[in-house]
N, C-alpha and C. Protein backbone atom coordinates (compact mmCIF):
# COMPACT_ATOMS: atom_id res chain seq x y z
N MET A 1 36.40 30.18 -23.69
CA MET A 1 35.69 30.06 -23.27
C MET A 1 34.74 28.64 -23.82
N GLY A 2 34.52 28.82 -24.80
CA GLY A 2 33.71 27.22 -25.64
C GLY A 2 33.16 27.57 -26.70
N GLU A 3 31.88 26.21 -27.06
CA GLU A 3 31.45 26.96 -28.37
C GLU A 3 29.81 27.32 -28.19
N LEU A 4 29.88 28.10 -28.81
CA LEU A 4 28.66 29.27 -28.86
C LEU A 4 27.46 29.57 -29.93
N GLU A 5 26.63 30.03 -29.39
CA GLU A 5 25.55 30.35 -30.14
C GLU A 5 24.46 31.72 -30.08
N LEU A 6 24.21 32.62 -30.72
CA LEU A 6 23.97 33.61 -29.95
C LEU A 6 22.45 34.34 -31.32
N ALA A 7 21.24 33.98 -30.42
CA ALA A 7 20.07 34.85 -31.27
C ALA A 7 19.55 35.38 -29.75
N VAL A 8 18.79 36.84 -30.74
CA VAL A 8 18.74 37.66 -30.74
C VAL A 8 17.01 38.12 -31.08
N LYS A 9 16.21 38.08 -29.62
CA LYS A 9 14.23 38.06 -30.31
C LYS A 9 14.29 39.63 -29.94
N ALA A 10 12.72 40.14 -30.35
CA ALA A 10 12.01 39.99 -29.59
C ALA A 10 10.51 39.69 -29.84
N ASP A 11 9.49 39.72 -29.09
CA ASP A 11 8.38 39.42 -29.05
C ASP A 11 7.32 39.65 -30.07
N ARG A 12 7.11 41.41 -30.11
CA ARG A 12 6.47 41.75 -31.16
C ARG A 12 7.64 42.97 -31.71
N THR A 13 7.50 43.26 -32.87
CA THR A 13 8.10 43.93 -33.35
C THR A 13 6.92 45.47 -34.16
N GLU A 14 6.14 44.91 -33.88
CA GLU A 14 4.55 46.24 -33.67
C GLU A 14 4.34 46.64 -32.94
N VAL A 15 4.44 47.86 -32.37
CA VAL A 15 4.06 48.15 -30.93
C VAL A 15 3.29 49.62 -31.10
N SER A 16 2.60 49.81 -30.14
CA SER A 16 1.84 51.41 -29.70
C SER A 16 3.08 51.47 -28.81
N VAL A 17 3.20 53.00 -28.81
CA VAL A 17 3.61 53.88 -27.85
C VAL A 17 3.19 53.32 -26.83
N ASP A 18 4.14 53.37 -25.89
CA ASP A 18 4.21 52.61 -23.89
C ASP A 18 2.95 51.61 -23.74
N ASP A 19 3.60 51.02 -25.09
CA ASP A 19 3.15 49.42 -25.23
C ASP A 19 4.93 48.28 -24.45
N ALA A 20 4.86 48.20 -23.99
CA ALA A 20 5.98 46.74 -23.38
C ALA A 20 6.40 46.27 -24.37
N ILE A 21 7.82 45.45 -24.74
CA ILE A 21 8.46 45.12 -25.25
C ILE A 21 9.23 43.87 -24.82
N GLU A 22 9.65 42.63 -25.10
CA GLU A 22 10.11 41.85 -24.75
C GLU A 22 11.16 41.98 -25.77
N VAL A 23 12.27 41.64 -25.52
CA VAL A 23 13.52 40.96 -26.18
C VAL A 23 14.81 40.57 -25.35
N GLU A 24 15.22 39.17 -25.77
CA GLU A 24 15.95 38.65 -25.62
C GLU A 24 16.81 38.17 -26.34
N VAL A 25 17.90 38.27 -25.48
CA VAL A 25 18.91 37.71 -26.08
C VAL A 25 19.63 36.27 -25.61
N ARG A 26 19.78 35.19 -26.26
CA ARG A 26 20.40 33.97 -25.81
C ARG A 26 21.67 33.66 -25.74
N LEU A 27 21.79 32.84 -25.08
CA LEU A 27 23.91 31.74 -26.03
C LEU A 27 23.38 31.10 -25.50
N SER A 28 23.44 30.12 -26.44
CA SER A 28 23.37 28.69 -25.87
C SER A 28 25.20 27.65 -26.64
N GLY A 29 25.06 26.93 -26.22
CA GLY A 29 26.58 25.81 -26.66
C GLY A 29 26.88 25.27 -25.80
N ARG A 30 28.26 25.07 -25.10
CA ARG A 30 29.51 24.37 -24.72
C ARG A 30 30.46 25.12 -24.30
N ALA A 31 29.92 25.13 -22.70
CA ALA A 31 30.77 26.30 -22.34
C ALA A 31 30.18 27.32 -21.30
N ASN A 32 31.11 27.67 -20.26
CA ASN A 32 31.08 28.08 -19.07
C ASN A 32 30.04 29.27 -19.05
N LEU A 33 29.07 29.30 -19.50
CA LEU A 33 27.73 30.38 -19.60
C LEU A 33 27.74 31.08 -18.01
N LYS A 34 27.55 30.26 -16.76
CA LYS A 34 27.48 31.22 -15.87
C LYS A 34 28.48 32.13 -15.89
N LEU A 35 29.58 32.33 -15.95
CA LEU A 35 30.69 33.28 -16.89
C LEU A 35 30.02 34.55 -17.71
N ILE A 36 28.84 34.28 -18.44
CA ILE A 36 28.33 35.53 -19.56
C ILE A 36 27.64 36.31 -18.41
N GLU A 37 27.98 37.48 -18.57
CA GLU A 37 27.08 38.37 -18.48
C GLU A 37 26.34 38.93 -19.61
N ALA A 38 25.29 39.59 -18.43
CA ALA A 38 23.94 40.78 -19.91
C ALA A 38 25.07 41.91 -20.96
N PRO A 39 25.11 41.64 -21.74
CA PRO A 39 25.16 42.60 -23.13
C PRO A 39 24.57 43.87 -22.90
N LYS A 40 25.59 44.97 -22.58
CA LYS A 40 25.37 45.82 -23.29
C LYS A 40 24.37 46.97 -24.69
N LEU A 41 22.69 46.53 -24.64
CA LEU A 41 21.92 46.28 -25.84
C LEU A 41 22.17 48.11 -25.72
N GLN A 42 22.24 49.16 -27.07
CA GLN A 42 22.00 50.31 -27.41
C GLN A 42 20.26 50.67 -28.01
N PHE A 43 19.39 51.37 -27.03
CA PHE A 43 18.21 51.60 -26.84
C PHE A 43 17.87 53.02 -27.21
N PRO A 44 16.85 53.12 -28.43
CA PRO A 44 17.07 54.94 -28.25
C PRO A 44 16.17 55.42 -27.18
N SER A 45 17.26 56.91 -27.02
CA SER A 45 17.14 57.52 -25.55
C SER A 45 15.29 57.92 -25.02
N ASP A 46 14.69 57.48 -25.77
CA ASP A 46 13.19 57.63 -25.18
C ASP A 46 12.67 56.37 -25.52
N PHE A 47 13.38 55.13 -24.97
CA PHE A 47 12.94 53.66 -24.73
C PHE A 47 13.36 53.84 -23.21
N GLU A 48 12.55 53.70 -22.69
CA GLU A 48 13.18 52.90 -20.95
C GLU A 48 13.19 51.82 -21.04
N VAL A 49 14.32 51.43 -20.18
CA VAL A 49 14.77 50.44 -20.21
C VAL A 49 14.85 50.05 -19.04
N TYR A 50 14.70 48.45 -19.14
CA TYR A 50 14.89 47.98 -17.64
C TYR A 50 16.29 46.82 -17.39
N GLU A 51 16.16 46.61 -16.47
CA GLU A 51 17.46 45.42 -16.11
C GLU A 51 16.79 44.51 -16.86
N PRO A 52 17.86 43.48 -16.67
CA PRO A 52 17.51 42.17 -17.97
C PRO A 52 17.43 41.03 -16.62
N ARG A 53 16.01 40.22 -17.11
CA ARG A 53 15.65 39.07 -16.63
C ARG A 53 17.08 38.27 -16.78
N VAL A 54 17.67 37.21 -15.66
CA VAL A 54 18.54 36.15 -16.57
C VAL A 54 17.68 35.12 -16.43
N THR A 55 18.03 33.95 -17.53
CA THR A 55 17.53 32.53 -17.33
C THR A 55 18.18 31.83 -17.56
N ASP A 56 18.89 30.81 -17.07
CA ASP A 56 20.12 29.55 -17.45
C ASP A 56 18.80 28.07 -17.25
N ARG A 57 19.49 27.87 -18.49
CA ARG A 57 19.19 26.12 -18.40
C ARG A 57 20.19 25.99 -18.96
N ILE A 58 20.93 25.20 -17.78
CA ILE A 58 22.18 24.36 -17.87
C ILE A 58 22.58 23.26 -17.28
N SER A 59 23.27 22.93 -17.58
CA SER A 59 23.58 21.12 -17.17
C SER A 59 25.02 20.96 -17.22
N LEU A 60 25.85 19.93 -16.15
CA LEU A 60 26.63 19.55 -15.76
C LEU A 60 26.63 18.41 -16.34
N SER A 61 27.75 18.23 -16.91
CA SER A 61 28.28 17.04 -17.28
C SER A 61 29.58 16.64 -17.37
N THR A 62 30.10 15.06 -17.58
CA THR A 62 31.81 14.90 -17.41
C THR A 62 32.12 15.56 -18.44
N GLY A 63 31.45 16.12 -19.76
CA GLY A 63 31.97 16.64 -20.43
C GLY A 63 32.37 18.74 -20.66
N GLY A 64 31.79 19.19 -19.70
CA GLY A 64 31.82 20.03 -18.85
C GLY A 64 29.96 20.68 -19.19
N MET A 65 29.94 21.47 -18.77
CA MET A 65 29.06 22.67 -19.00
C MET A 65 28.14 22.93 -20.45
N SER A 66 26.90 22.85 -20.06
CA SER A 66 26.26 23.03 -21.62
C SER A 66 24.48 23.69 -21.43
N GLY A 67 24.36 24.14 -22.55
CA GLY A 67 22.67 24.50 -22.19
C GLY A 67 22.61 26.39 -22.51
N SER A 68 22.13 26.99 -21.56
CA SER A 68 21.90 28.42 -22.68
C SER A 68 21.99 29.26 -21.19
N ARG A 69 22.11 30.40 -21.84
CA ARG A 69 21.66 31.46 -20.41
C ARG A 69 21.07 32.67 -21.36
N GLY A 70 19.98 33.16 -21.02
CA GLY A 70 19.13 34.40 -21.85
C GLY A 70 19.22 35.52 -21.25
N PHE A 71 18.72 36.24 -21.73
CA PHE A 71 19.13 37.91 -21.08
C PHE A 71 17.06 38.25 -21.63
N GLN A 72 16.54 38.87 -20.74
CA GLN A 72 15.01 39.09 -21.28
C GLN A 72 15.24 40.62 -20.67
N TYR A 73 15.18 41.87 -22.06
CA TYR A 73 14.78 42.94 -21.52
C TYR A 73 13.24 43.78 -21.50
N THR A 74 12.97 43.94 -21.11
CA THR A 74 11.60 44.65 -20.95
C THR A 74 12.11 45.67 -21.28
N VAL A 75 11.94 46.13 -22.23
CA VAL A 75 11.71 48.33 -22.75
C VAL A 75 10.13 48.21 -23.15
N ILE A 76 10.20 49.67 -23.28
CA ILE A 76 8.79 50.90 -23.62
C ILE A 76 9.23 51.83 -24.51
N PRO A 77 8.85 51.87 -25.66
CA PRO A 77 8.67 53.04 -26.63
C PRO A 77 8.19 53.76 -26.05
N ARG A 78 8.44 55.47 -26.01
CA ARG A 78 7.68 56.82 -25.35
C ARG A 78 7.46 57.92 -26.65
N HIS A 79 7.49 57.07 -28.04
CA HIS A 79 7.22 58.32 -28.87
C HIS A 79 7.68 56.90 -30.33
N ASP A 80 6.39 57.30 -30.82
CA ASP A 80 6.70 56.49 -32.40
C ASP A 80 7.51 57.12 -33.10
N GLY A 81 7.51 55.97 -34.06
CA GLY A 81 8.28 55.70 -35.16
C GLY A 81 9.34 54.56 -35.37
N SER A 82 9.57 54.82 -36.74
CA SER A 82 10.25 53.39 -36.94
C SER A 82 11.70 53.41 -36.02
N PHE A 83 12.19 52.29 -35.43
CA PHE A 83 13.34 52.37 -34.26
C PHE A 83 14.29 50.84 -34.85
N ASP A 84 15.70 51.23 -35.67
CA ASP A 84 16.67 50.57 -36.00
C ASP A 84 17.97 50.27 -34.83
N LEU A 85 17.24 48.90 -34.21
CA LEU A 85 18.16 48.65 -32.83
C LEU A 85 19.88 47.97 -33.41
N GLY A 86 19.46 47.50 -34.26
CA GLY A 86 20.83 47.31 -35.28
C GLY A 86 20.78 45.56 -34.75
N SER A 87 22.34 45.16 -34.45
CA SER A 87 22.74 44.17 -34.28
C SER A 87 23.40 43.74 -32.77
N VAL A 88 23.61 42.45 -32.08
CA VAL A 88 24.38 42.41 -31.09
C VAL A 88 25.66 41.87 -31.57
N ASN A 89 26.14 42.35 -30.48
CA ASN A 89 27.59 41.57 -31.40
C ASN A 89 28.28 40.71 -30.06
N MET A 90 28.70 39.51 -29.85
CA MET A 90 29.56 39.59 -28.27
C MET A 90 31.19 38.72 -29.14
N SER A 91 32.04 39.33 -28.19
CA SER A 91 33.39 38.08 -28.72
C SER A 91 33.30 36.68 -27.90
N TYR A 92 33.67 35.80 -27.71
CA TYR A 92 34.20 34.75 -26.67
C TYR A 92 35.68 33.95 -27.22
N PHE A 93 36.32 33.29 -26.70
CA PHE A 93 37.52 32.78 -26.98
C PHE A 93 36.81 30.69 -27.08
N ASP A 94 37.30 30.67 -28.06
CA ASP A 94 37.93 29.33 -28.50
C ASP A 94 38.39 28.30 -28.28
N PRO A 95 38.41 27.51 -27.21
CA PRO A 95 39.98 26.68 -26.99
C PRO A 95 40.49 25.57 -27.79
N LYS A 96 38.79 25.21 -28.84
CA LYS A 96 39.11 24.17 -29.66
C LYS A 96 40.07 24.64 -31.14
N ALA A 97 39.77 26.13 -31.72
CA ALA A 97 40.05 26.26 -32.42
C ALA A 97 41.39 27.03 -31.86
N GLY A 98 41.75 27.72 -30.56
CA GLY A 98 42.68 28.32 -30.34
C GLY A 98 42.45 29.80 -30.13
N ALA A 99 41.20 30.00 -30.81
CA ALA A 99 40.72 31.74 -31.16
C ALA A 99 39.52 32.69 -30.77
N TYR A 100 39.94 34.03 -30.77
CA TYR A 100 38.87 34.52 -30.33
C TYR A 100 37.75 34.74 -31.77
N LYS A 101 36.30 34.48 -31.85
CA LYS A 101 35.26 34.32 -32.33
C LYS A 101 34.29 35.79 -32.01
N THR A 102 34.18 35.99 -32.97
CA THR A 102 32.68 36.92 -32.87
C THR A 102 31.30 36.63 -33.01
N LEU A 103 29.87 36.39 -32.35
CA LEU A 103 29.35 36.22 -33.46
C LEU A 103 28.40 37.55 -33.21
N ASN A 104 27.44 37.78 -34.49
CA ASN A 104 26.98 38.68 -34.58
C ASN A 104 25.05 38.47 -34.59
N SER A 105 24.10 38.51 -34.40
CA SER A 105 22.90 38.28 -34.48
C SER A 105 22.13 39.61 -35.64
N ALA A 106 21.60 39.09 -36.15
CA ALA A 106 20.62 39.70 -37.97
C ALA A 106 20.21 41.03 -36.41
N PRO A 107 20.21 42.10 -37.19
CA PRO A 107 20.05 43.15 -37.27
C PRO A 107 18.18 43.01 -36.64
N LEU A 108 17.66 44.29 -35.88
CA LEU A 108 16.54 44.35 -35.04
C LEU A 108 15.63 45.40 -35.25
N SER A 109 14.54 45.91 -36.03
CA SER A 109 13.63 47.24 -36.48
C SER A 109 12.54 46.98 -35.71
N ILE A 110 11.85 48.11 -35.00
CA ILE A 110 10.92 47.63 -34.36
C ILE A 110 9.76 48.95 -34.63
N VAL A 111 8.43 49.36 -35.07
CA VAL A 111 7.88 50.16 -35.53
C VAL A 111 6.99 50.11 -34.41
N VAL A 112 7.24 51.41 -33.77
CA VAL A 112 5.86 52.04 -33.21
C VAL A 112 4.80 52.42 -33.57
N THR A 113 3.28 52.74 -33.18
CA THR A 113 2.96 53.44 -33.85
C THR A 113 2.43 54.62 -32.90
N PRO A 114 1.28 55.61 -32.65
CA PRO A 114 1.25 56.22 -31.87
C PRO A 114 -0.04 55.89 -31.25
N GLY A 115 -0.81 55.06 -31.58
CA GLY A 115 -1.84 54.45 -30.68
C GLY A 115 -3.04 55.30 -30.07
N ASP A 116 -3.50 54.56 -29.03
CA ASP A 116 -4.63 55.50 -27.97
C ASP A 116 -3.87 56.01 -26.92
N ARG A 117 -3.06 57.23 -27.01
CA ARG A 117 -2.33 57.95 -25.47
C ARG A 117 -3.97 57.88 -24.37
N ALA A 118 -4.82 58.28 -25.31
CA ALA A 118 -6.06 58.67 -24.09
C ALA A 118 -6.31 57.30 -22.68
N GLY A 119 -6.65 56.39 -22.99
CA GLY A 119 -6.72 55.00 -22.44
C GLY A 119 -5.56 55.01 -21.38
N SER A 120 -4.06 55.02 -22.07
CA SER A 120 -3.07 54.98 -21.31
C SER A 120 -2.56 55.56 -20.19
N PRO A 121 -1.61 54.77 -19.00
CA PRO A 121 -1.60 54.76 -17.43
C PRO A 121 -0.49 56.47 -17.84
N MET A 122 0.24 56.60 -18.93
CA MET A 122 1.21 57.51 -19.32
C MET A 122 0.93 58.68 -19.56
N ALA A 123 -0.25 58.51 -20.45
CA ALA A 123 -1.02 59.26 -20.59
C ALA A 123 -1.73 60.70 -19.38
N ASN A 124 -1.51 59.98 -17.82
CA ASN A 124 -2.43 61.14 -16.93
C ASN A 124 -1.09 61.00 -16.28
N ARG A 125 -0.03 60.76 -17.04
CA ARG A 125 1.09 61.64 -15.52
C ARG A 125 1.25 63.23 -15.42
N VAL A 126 0.77 63.77 -16.62
CA VAL A 126 0.45 65.45 -16.66
C VAL A 126 -0.31 65.48 -16.49
N GLN A 127 -0.41 65.99 -15.06
CA GLN A 127 -1.78 67.23 -15.13
C GLN A 127 -1.58 68.90 -14.92
N ARG A 128 -2.95 69.40 -15.67
CA ARG A 128 -2.54 70.24 -15.54
C ARG A 128 -2.93 71.40 -13.99
N SER A 129 -2.07 72.61 -13.60
CA SER A 129 -2.99 72.63 -12.63
C SER A 129 -3.89 73.84 -12.93
N GLY A 130 -4.34 74.64 -12.15
CA GLY A 130 -4.95 75.80 -12.12
C GLY A 130 -4.38 76.84 -13.02
N SER A 131 -3.27 77.02 -12.54
CA SER A 131 -2.24 77.99 -12.97
C SER A 131 -1.34 78.41 -14.60
N GLY A 132 -2.37 76.75 -14.78
CA GLY A 132 -1.99 76.66 -16.53
C GLY A 132 -0.26 75.73 -16.63
N HIS A 133 0.50 76.08 -15.11
CA HIS A 133 1.83 75.23 -15.36
C HIS A 133 1.66 73.52 -15.52
N ALA A 134 2.58 72.72 -15.94
CA ALA A 134 2.51 71.19 -16.14
C ALA A 134 2.81 70.79 -14.93
N ARG A 135 2.08 70.29 -14.38
CA ARG A 135 2.89 69.06 -13.12
C ARG A 135 2.71 67.68 -13.25
N GLN A 136 4.24 67.26 -13.06
CA GLN A 136 3.79 65.74 -13.72
C GLN A 136 3.76 64.64 -12.14
N ARG A 137 3.53 63.66 -12.69
CA ARG A 137 2.25 63.21 -11.93
C ARG A 137 3.07 61.79 -11.61
N HIS A 138 3.11 60.60 -10.50
CA HIS A 138 3.56 59.54 -10.45
C HIS A 138 2.79 58.14 -10.66
N PRO A 139 3.73 58.01 -12.29
CA PRO A 139 2.51 56.71 -12.37
C PRO A 139 1.70 55.38 -11.00
N LEU A 140 2.90 55.51 -9.96
CA LEU A 140 2.28 54.55 -9.42
C LEU A 140 1.46 54.90 -7.99
N TYR A 141 1.86 56.64 -7.99
CA TYR A 141 0.97 57.59 -6.95
C TYR A 141 0.57 58.73 -7.25
N PRO A 142 -0.69 58.45 -8.18
CA PRO A 142 -1.59 59.67 -9.18
C PRO A 142 -1.57 60.76 -8.24
N ASN A 143 -1.97 60.19 -6.62
CA ASN A 143 -2.84 61.28 -5.64
C ASN A 143 -1.61 62.34 -4.50
N ARG A 144 -0.49 61.64 -5.49
CA ARG A 144 0.86 62.19 -4.25
C ARG A 144 1.37 63.71 -5.01
N ARG A 145 2.08 64.33 -3.86
CA ARG A 145 1.72 65.72 -4.83
C ARG A 145 3.62 65.82 -4.77
N PRO A 146 4.53 66.19 -5.57
CA PRO A 146 5.56 66.30 -6.01
C PRO A 146 6.60 67.07 -4.78
């Protein structure tokens, strides 16, 4: 595959419940970067996770392909607490060394505070009907009946 470096970062490591976090996994170096697929990150079950956006900054020269490929995940924690997201690991073949290598990122931790859920759009998703039963409301169409 080539020579690669791995970087993982979050735009914020302390947020309130229902605040979005952008987690980026970036691979850079000299390799066929277009072949690299988005890594499967393990988030807690109460995090809402969206498909990653892919950002390529790749150049071609007579020496081959070089640059970076980034995967940006939008995640939304739904409960407060401290969450250890661990590290990201990726193995690849380095033809110069003639062997497989494994890249490991530093572990990532997120602290989620309770915040002000009263003003949050998600706080308005459950509405009590006259009978006392909870009724789920759609976040984009709150007046639509299920």
